[in-house]
N, C-alpha and C. Protein backbone atom coordinates (compact mmCIF):
# COMPACT_ATOMS: atom_id res chain seq x y z
N UNK A 1 24.43 38.07 -33.00
CA UNK A 1 23.18 37.90 -33.88
C UNK A 1 22.30 39.00 -33.31
N UNK A 2 21.59 39.78 -34.12
CA UNK A 2 20.68 40.82 -33.72
C UNK A 2 19.36 40.02 -33.02
N UNK A 3 18.91 40.75 -32.11
CA UNK A 3 17.77 40.42 -31.30
C UNK A 3 16.57 40.25 -32.50
N UNK A 4 15.86 39.10 -32.43
CA UNK A 4 14.62 39.12 -33.25
C UNK A 4 13.45 39.32 -32.46
N UNK A 5 12.28 39.70 -33.08
CA UNK A 5 11.03 39.90 -32.32
C UNK A 5 10.16 38.81 -32.36
N UNK A 6 10.51 37.89 -31.59
CA UNK A 6 9.81 36.53 -31.30
C UNK A 6 10.08 35.94 -29.96
N UNK A 7 9.24 35.04 -29.53
CA UNK A 7 9.34 34.23 -28.36
C UNK A 7 9.70 32.95 -28.59
N UNK A 8 10.57 32.20 -27.88
CA UNK A 8 10.84 30.91 -27.98
C UNK A 8 9.72 29.94 -28.16
N UNK A 9 8.63 30.34 -27.34
CA UNK A 9 7.49 29.59 -27.41
C UNK A 9 6.33 30.45 -26.81
N UNK A 10 5.04 30.10 -27.26
CA UNK A 10 3.95 30.91 -26.56
C UNK A 10 2.95 29.84 -26.22
N UNK A 11 2.28 30.09 -25.17
CA UNK A 11 1.15 29.01 -24.92
C UNK A 11 -0.18 29.66 -24.93
N UNK A 12 -1.17 29.08 -25.40
CA UNK A 12 -2.67 29.47 -25.61
C UNK A 12 -3.51 28.27 -25.56
N UNK A 13 -4.35 28.21 -24.46
CA UNK A 13 -5.43 27.36 -24.41
C UNK A 13 -4.91 25.91 -24.45
N UNK A 14 -3.75 25.67 -23.62
CA UNK A 14 -3.14 24.40 -23.44
C UNK A 14 -2.18 23.99 -24.48
N UNK A 15 -2.17 24.63 -25.57
CA UNK A 15 -1.29 24.37 -26.72
C UNK A 15 0.01 25.38 -26.68
N UNK A 16 1.20 24.87 -26.98
CA UNK A 16 2.35 25.62 -26.80
C UNK A 16 3.03 25.67 -28.40
N UNK A 17 3.13 26.81 -28.82
CA UNK A 17 3.62 26.90 -30.22
C UNK A 17 5.05 27.29 -30.18
N UNK A 18 5.92 26.44 -30.58
CA UNK A 18 7.24 26.62 -30.56
C UNK A 18 7.88 27.28 -31.89
N UNK A 19 8.54 28.35 -31.67
CA UNK A 19 9.16 29.10 -32.79
C UNK A 19 10.16 28.08 -33.59
N UNK A 20 10.47 28.33 -34.80
CA UNK A 20 11.29 27.52 -35.63
C UNK A 20 12.75 27.57 -35.18
N UNK A 21 13.37 26.45 -35.11
CA UNK A 21 14.77 26.40 -34.71
C UNK A 21 15.63 25.97 -35.84
N UNK A 22 16.77 26.52 -36.08
CA UNK A 22 17.81 26.15 -37.07
C UNK A 22 18.90 25.68 -36.31
N UNK A 23 20.03 25.21 -37.06
CA UNK A 23 21.08 24.56 -36.69
C UNK A 23 22.24 25.47 -36.05
N UNK A 24 21.76 26.31 -35.03
CA UNK A 24 22.80 27.06 -34.33
C UNK A 24 23.50 26.29 -33.12
N UNK A 25 24.65 26.55 -33.08
CA UNK A 25 25.49 25.76 -32.11
C UNK A 25 25.22 26.56 -30.86
N UNK A 26 25.97 26.03 -29.64
CA UNK A 26 25.76 26.75 -28.30
C UNK A 26 26.43 28.04 -28.28
N UNK A 27 27.30 28.40 -29.28
CA UNK A 27 27.72 29.85 -29.34
C UNK A 27 26.91 30.77 -30.25
N UNK A 28 25.81 30.28 -30.79
CA UNK A 28 25.00 31.10 -31.63
C UNK A 28 25.35 31.21 -33.06
N UNK A 29 26.31 30.40 -33.41
CA UNK A 29 26.81 30.37 -34.80
C UNK A 29 26.13 29.02 -35.53
N UNK A 30 25.97 29.35 -36.83
CA UNK A 30 25.39 28.39 -37.56
C UNK A 30 26.31 27.24 -37.90
N UNK A 31 26.01 25.91 -37.45
CA UNK A 31 26.74 24.74 -37.55
C UNK A 31 26.86 24.40 -39.03
N UNK A 32 28.05 24.26 -39.39
CA UNK A 32 28.46 23.94 -40.69
C UNK A 32 28.85 22.44 -40.51
N UNK A 33 28.06 21.65 -41.02
CA UNK A 33 28.30 20.22 -41.05
C UNK A 33 27.33 19.40 -41.98
N UNK A 34 27.23 17.98 -41.95
CA UNK A 34 26.48 17.20 -42.80
C UNK A 34 24.99 17.40 -42.55
N UNK A 35 24.22 17.22 -43.32
CA UNK A 35 22.69 17.35 -42.87
C UNK A 35 22.17 16.43 -41.71
N UNK A 36 22.75 15.34 -41.43
CA UNK A 36 22.24 14.56 -40.33
C UNK A 36 22.65 15.27 -38.88
N UNK A 37 24.00 15.92 -38.88
CA UNK A 37 24.41 16.64 -37.75
C UNK A 37 23.64 17.95 -37.64
N UNK A 38 23.30 18.52 -38.74
CA UNK A 38 22.81 19.76 -38.76
C UNK A 38 21.13 19.55 -38.17
N UNK A 39 20.51 18.48 -38.72
CA UNK A 39 19.24 18.01 -38.24
C UNK A 39 19.21 17.75 -36.72
N UNK A 40 20.16 17.03 -36.34
CA UNK A 40 20.36 16.81 -34.85
C UNK A 40 20.25 17.90 -34.04
N UNK A 41 21.27 19.05 -34.61
CA UNK A 41 21.38 20.35 -33.83
C UNK A 41 19.93 21.00 -33.74
N UNK A 42 19.27 20.99 -34.87
CA UNK A 42 17.89 21.74 -34.78
C UNK A 42 17.08 21.09 -33.71
N UNK A 43 17.09 19.83 -33.67
CA UNK A 43 16.04 18.99 -32.78
C UNK A 43 16.53 19.09 -31.25
N UNK A 44 17.82 19.19 -31.22
CA UNK A 44 18.40 19.47 -29.89
C UNK A 44 18.09 20.91 -29.40
N UNK A 45 18.03 21.79 -30.32
CA UNK A 45 17.59 23.25 -29.92
C UNK A 45 16.08 23.31 -29.69
N UNK A 46 15.38 22.58 -30.39
CA UNK A 46 13.92 22.38 -30.06
C UNK A 46 13.68 21.84 -28.86
N UNK A 47 14.46 20.69 -28.69
CA UNK A 47 14.42 20.02 -27.18
C UNK A 47 14.55 20.95 -26.04
N UNK A 48 15.49 22.05 -26.30
CA UNK A 48 15.75 23.03 -25.09
C UNK A 48 14.61 23.97 -25.06
N UNK A 49 13.87 24.28 -26.08
CA UNK A 49 12.66 25.18 -25.92
C UNK A 49 11.64 24.34 -25.16
N UNK A 50 11.55 23.01 -25.52
CA UNK A 50 10.45 22.23 -25.01
C UNK A 50 10.90 22.10 -23.55
N UNK A 51 12.08 22.09 -23.18
CA UNK A 51 12.45 22.04 -21.86
C UNK A 51 12.07 23.26 -20.97
N UNK A 52 12.32 24.44 -21.67
CA UNK A 52 11.74 25.66 -21.24
C UNK A 52 10.27 25.76 -20.81
N UNK A 53 9.48 25.12 -21.59
CA UNK A 53 8.10 24.97 -21.43
C UNK A 53 7.78 23.86 -20.46
N UNK A 54 8.73 23.19 -20.17
CA UNK A 54 8.44 22.04 -19.00
C UNK A 54 7.73 20.96 -19.86
N UNK A 55 8.17 20.63 -21.00
CA UNK A 55 7.46 19.60 -21.97
C UNK A 55 8.65 18.78 -22.40
N UNK A 56 8.24 17.68 -23.27
CA UNK A 56 9.22 16.81 -23.95
C UNK A 56 8.74 16.55 -25.33
N UNK A 57 9.56 15.76 -26.04
CA UNK A 57 9.02 15.50 -27.51
C UNK A 57 7.79 14.66 -27.56
N UNK A 58 7.56 14.17 -26.41
CA UNK A 58 6.37 13.34 -26.45
C UNK A 58 4.96 14.16 -26.30
N UNK A 59 5.30 15.46 -25.91
CA UNK A 59 4.16 16.41 -26.01
C UNK A 59 3.85 17.02 -27.33
N UNK A 60 4.66 16.85 -28.31
CA UNK A 60 4.56 17.48 -29.69
C UNK A 60 3.54 16.78 -30.52
N UNK A 61 2.59 17.61 -30.99
CA UNK A 61 1.53 17.02 -31.85
C UNK A 61 1.36 17.55 -33.28
N UNK A 62 2.36 18.57 -33.60
CA UNK A 62 2.36 18.96 -34.90
C UNK A 62 3.87 19.47 -35.29
N UNK A 63 4.46 19.16 -36.34
CA UNK A 63 5.79 19.77 -36.65
C UNK A 63 5.80 20.11 -38.08
N UNK A 64 6.57 21.19 -38.39
CA UNK A 64 6.63 21.59 -39.71
C UNK A 64 8.32 21.70 -40.02
N UNK A 65 8.61 21.07 -41.04
CA UNK A 65 9.97 21.01 -41.59
C UNK A 65 10.20 21.86 -42.61
N UNK A 66 11.29 22.68 -42.67
CA UNK A 66 11.59 23.42 -43.72
C UNK A 66 12.90 23.04 -44.23
N UNK A 67 13.15 22.70 -45.55
CA UNK A 67 14.33 22.25 -46.07
C UNK A 67 14.79 23.17 -47.36
N UNK A 68 15.94 23.50 -47.44
CA UNK A 68 16.36 24.34 -48.68
C UNK A 68 16.80 23.35 -49.73
N UNK A 69 16.97 22.05 -49.46
CA UNK A 69 17.31 21.00 -50.37
C UNK A 69 16.48 19.69 -50.00
N UNK A 70 15.56 19.38 -50.92
CA UNK A 70 14.73 18.35 -50.46
C UNK A 70 15.42 16.96 -50.88
N UNK A 71 16.58 16.90 -51.33
CA UNK A 71 17.41 15.60 -51.51
C UNK A 71 17.84 15.09 -50.14
N UNK A 72 17.84 15.96 -49.12
CA UNK A 72 18.09 15.53 -47.75
C UNK A 72 16.98 15.06 -46.81
N UNK A 73 15.83 14.87 -47.49
CA UNK A 73 14.66 14.38 -46.86
C UNK A 73 14.78 13.05 -46.05
N UNK A 74 15.20 11.98 -46.68
CA UNK A 74 15.68 10.78 -46.08
C UNK A 74 16.44 10.97 -44.81
N UNK A 75 17.49 11.57 -45.01
CA UNK A 75 18.45 11.79 -43.78
C UNK A 75 17.70 12.44 -42.67
N UNK A 76 17.06 13.49 -43.02
CA UNK A 76 16.21 14.21 -41.98
C UNK A 76 15.30 13.33 -41.30
N UNK A 77 14.58 12.39 -41.96
CA UNK A 77 13.65 11.52 -41.55
C UNK A 77 14.45 10.53 -40.54
N UNK A 78 15.69 10.09 -40.82
CA UNK A 78 16.48 9.18 -40.12
C UNK A 78 16.64 9.78 -38.75
N UNK A 79 17.12 11.05 -38.70
CA UNK A 79 17.31 11.61 -37.46
C UNK A 79 16.13 11.91 -36.55
N UNK A 80 15.08 12.44 -37.28
CA UNK A 80 13.83 12.74 -36.73
C UNK A 80 13.24 11.45 -35.79
N UNK A 81 13.36 10.25 -36.39
CA UNK A 81 12.82 9.11 -35.78
C UNK A 81 13.60 8.81 -34.46
N UNK A 82 14.78 9.32 -34.31
CA UNK A 82 15.47 9.00 -33.01
C UNK A 82 15.08 10.07 -31.89
N UNK A 83 14.19 11.12 -32.29
CA UNK A 83 13.53 12.13 -31.18
C UNK A 83 12.04 12.01 -31.04
N UNK A 84 11.35 11.28 -32.12
CA UNK A 84 9.88 11.10 -31.90
C UNK A 84 9.59 9.51 -32.16
N UNK A 85 8.71 9.13 -31.47
CA UNK A 85 8.20 7.73 -31.53
C UNK A 85 6.76 7.75 -32.02
N UNK A 86 6.22 6.53 -32.45
CA UNK A 86 4.73 6.49 -32.91
C UNK A 86 3.97 6.57 -31.63
N UNK A 87 2.85 7.12 -31.84
CA UNK A 87 2.36 7.77 -32.93
C UNK A 87 2.97 8.94 -33.24
N UNK A 88 3.54 9.17 -34.43
CA UNK A 88 4.34 10.34 -34.76
C UNK A 88 3.51 11.64 -34.72
N UNK A 89 3.88 12.78 -34.50
CA UNK A 89 3.17 13.87 -34.61
C UNK A 89 2.77 14.09 -36.13
N UNK A 90 1.53 14.81 -36.53
CA UNK A 90 1.20 15.34 -37.60
C UNK A 90 2.28 16.03 -38.22
N UNK A 91 2.67 16.16 -39.66
CA UNK A 91 3.75 16.92 -40.04
C UNK A 91 3.48 17.27 -41.53
N UNK A 92 4.43 18.23 -41.95
CA UNK A 92 4.59 18.60 -43.19
C UNK A 92 6.14 18.89 -43.49
N UNK A 93 6.57 18.67 -44.66
CA UNK A 93 7.96 19.06 -44.95
C UNK A 93 7.65 19.90 -46.03
N UNK A 94 8.29 21.20 -46.14
CA UNK A 94 8.33 22.25 -47.13
C UNK A 94 9.60 22.43 -47.58
N UNK A 95 9.78 22.41 -49.09
CA UNK A 95 10.98 22.96 -49.62
C UNK A 95 10.79 24.58 -49.79
N UNK A 96 12.03 25.13 -49.38
CA UNK A 96 11.91 26.51 -49.58
C UNK A 96 13.34 26.94 -50.26
N UNK A 97 13.33 28.25 -50.74
CA UNK A 97 14.56 28.75 -51.42
C UNK A 97 15.43 29.00 -50.37
N UNK A 98 15.16 29.65 -49.29
CA UNK A 98 16.20 30.08 -48.26
C UNK A 98 15.61 30.11 -46.76
N UNK A 99 16.55 30.08 -45.92
CA UNK A 99 16.23 30.13 -44.34
C UNK A 99 17.11 31.21 -43.69
N UNK A 100 16.60 31.65 -42.62
CA UNK A 100 17.39 32.48 -41.89
C UNK A 100 18.90 32.16 -41.58
N UNK A 101 19.85 33.17 -41.74
CA UNK A 101 21.17 32.96 -41.65
C UNK A 101 21.92 31.94 -42.43
N UNK A 102 21.22 31.44 -43.43
CA UNK A 102 21.76 30.60 -44.37
C UNK A 102 21.61 29.26 -44.01
N UNK A 103 20.67 28.90 -43.08
CA UNK A 103 20.40 27.58 -42.53
C UNK A 103 19.82 26.78 -43.69
N UNK A 104 20.07 25.26 -43.41
CA UNK A 104 19.48 24.32 -44.58
C UNK A 104 18.16 23.75 -43.91
N UNK A 105 18.11 23.74 -42.62
CA UNK A 105 16.95 22.97 -42.08
C UNK A 105 16.35 23.86 -40.82
N UNK A 106 15.05 24.10 -40.92
CA UNK A 106 14.47 24.57 -39.88
C UNK A 106 13.11 23.74 -39.51
N UNK A 107 13.10 23.66 -38.11
CA UNK A 107 11.94 23.06 -37.57
C UNK A 107 10.98 23.69 -36.52
N UNK A 108 9.74 23.82 -36.70
CA UNK A 108 8.75 24.22 -35.84
C UNK A 108 8.03 23.35 -35.28
N UNK A 109 7.13 23.67 -34.04
CA UNK A 109 6.25 22.66 -33.65
C UNK A 109 5.26 23.23 -32.80
N UNK A 110 4.12 22.40 -32.43
CA UNK A 110 3.16 22.66 -31.58
C UNK A 110 2.97 21.46 -30.67
N UNK A 111 2.96 21.80 -29.59
CA UNK A 111 2.81 20.91 -28.40
C UNK A 111 1.64 21.09 -27.52
N UNK A 112 1.18 19.90 -26.91
CA UNK A 112 0.03 20.06 -25.93
C UNK A 112 0.26 19.67 -24.54
N UNK A 113 -0.13 20.15 -23.55
CA UNK A 113 0.21 19.81 -22.20
C UNK A 113 -0.69 18.46 -21.89
């Protein structure tokens, strides 16, 4: 995969802005699986970036989810609630025509120290 001009995360004034993560596996290949498994992979990838920033899912205050198929919204929510607990971060879910590398789910986040 070619190098992209972005940082996994950037910190500014105590806020950490995490770049969107898609369902790439540990080999950098797009995981071809059911929507629940893809969403789990996306959140695992997001968790690794949080670890790099020395944070956890508990630090996340805002999430944006991009889906190429809004019919998987319920499945995404089921997986999402295994990573986030109440009070849940503020969030929006956006239906999009396409995502990088043909992904079907992308999640970005903002966290606070």
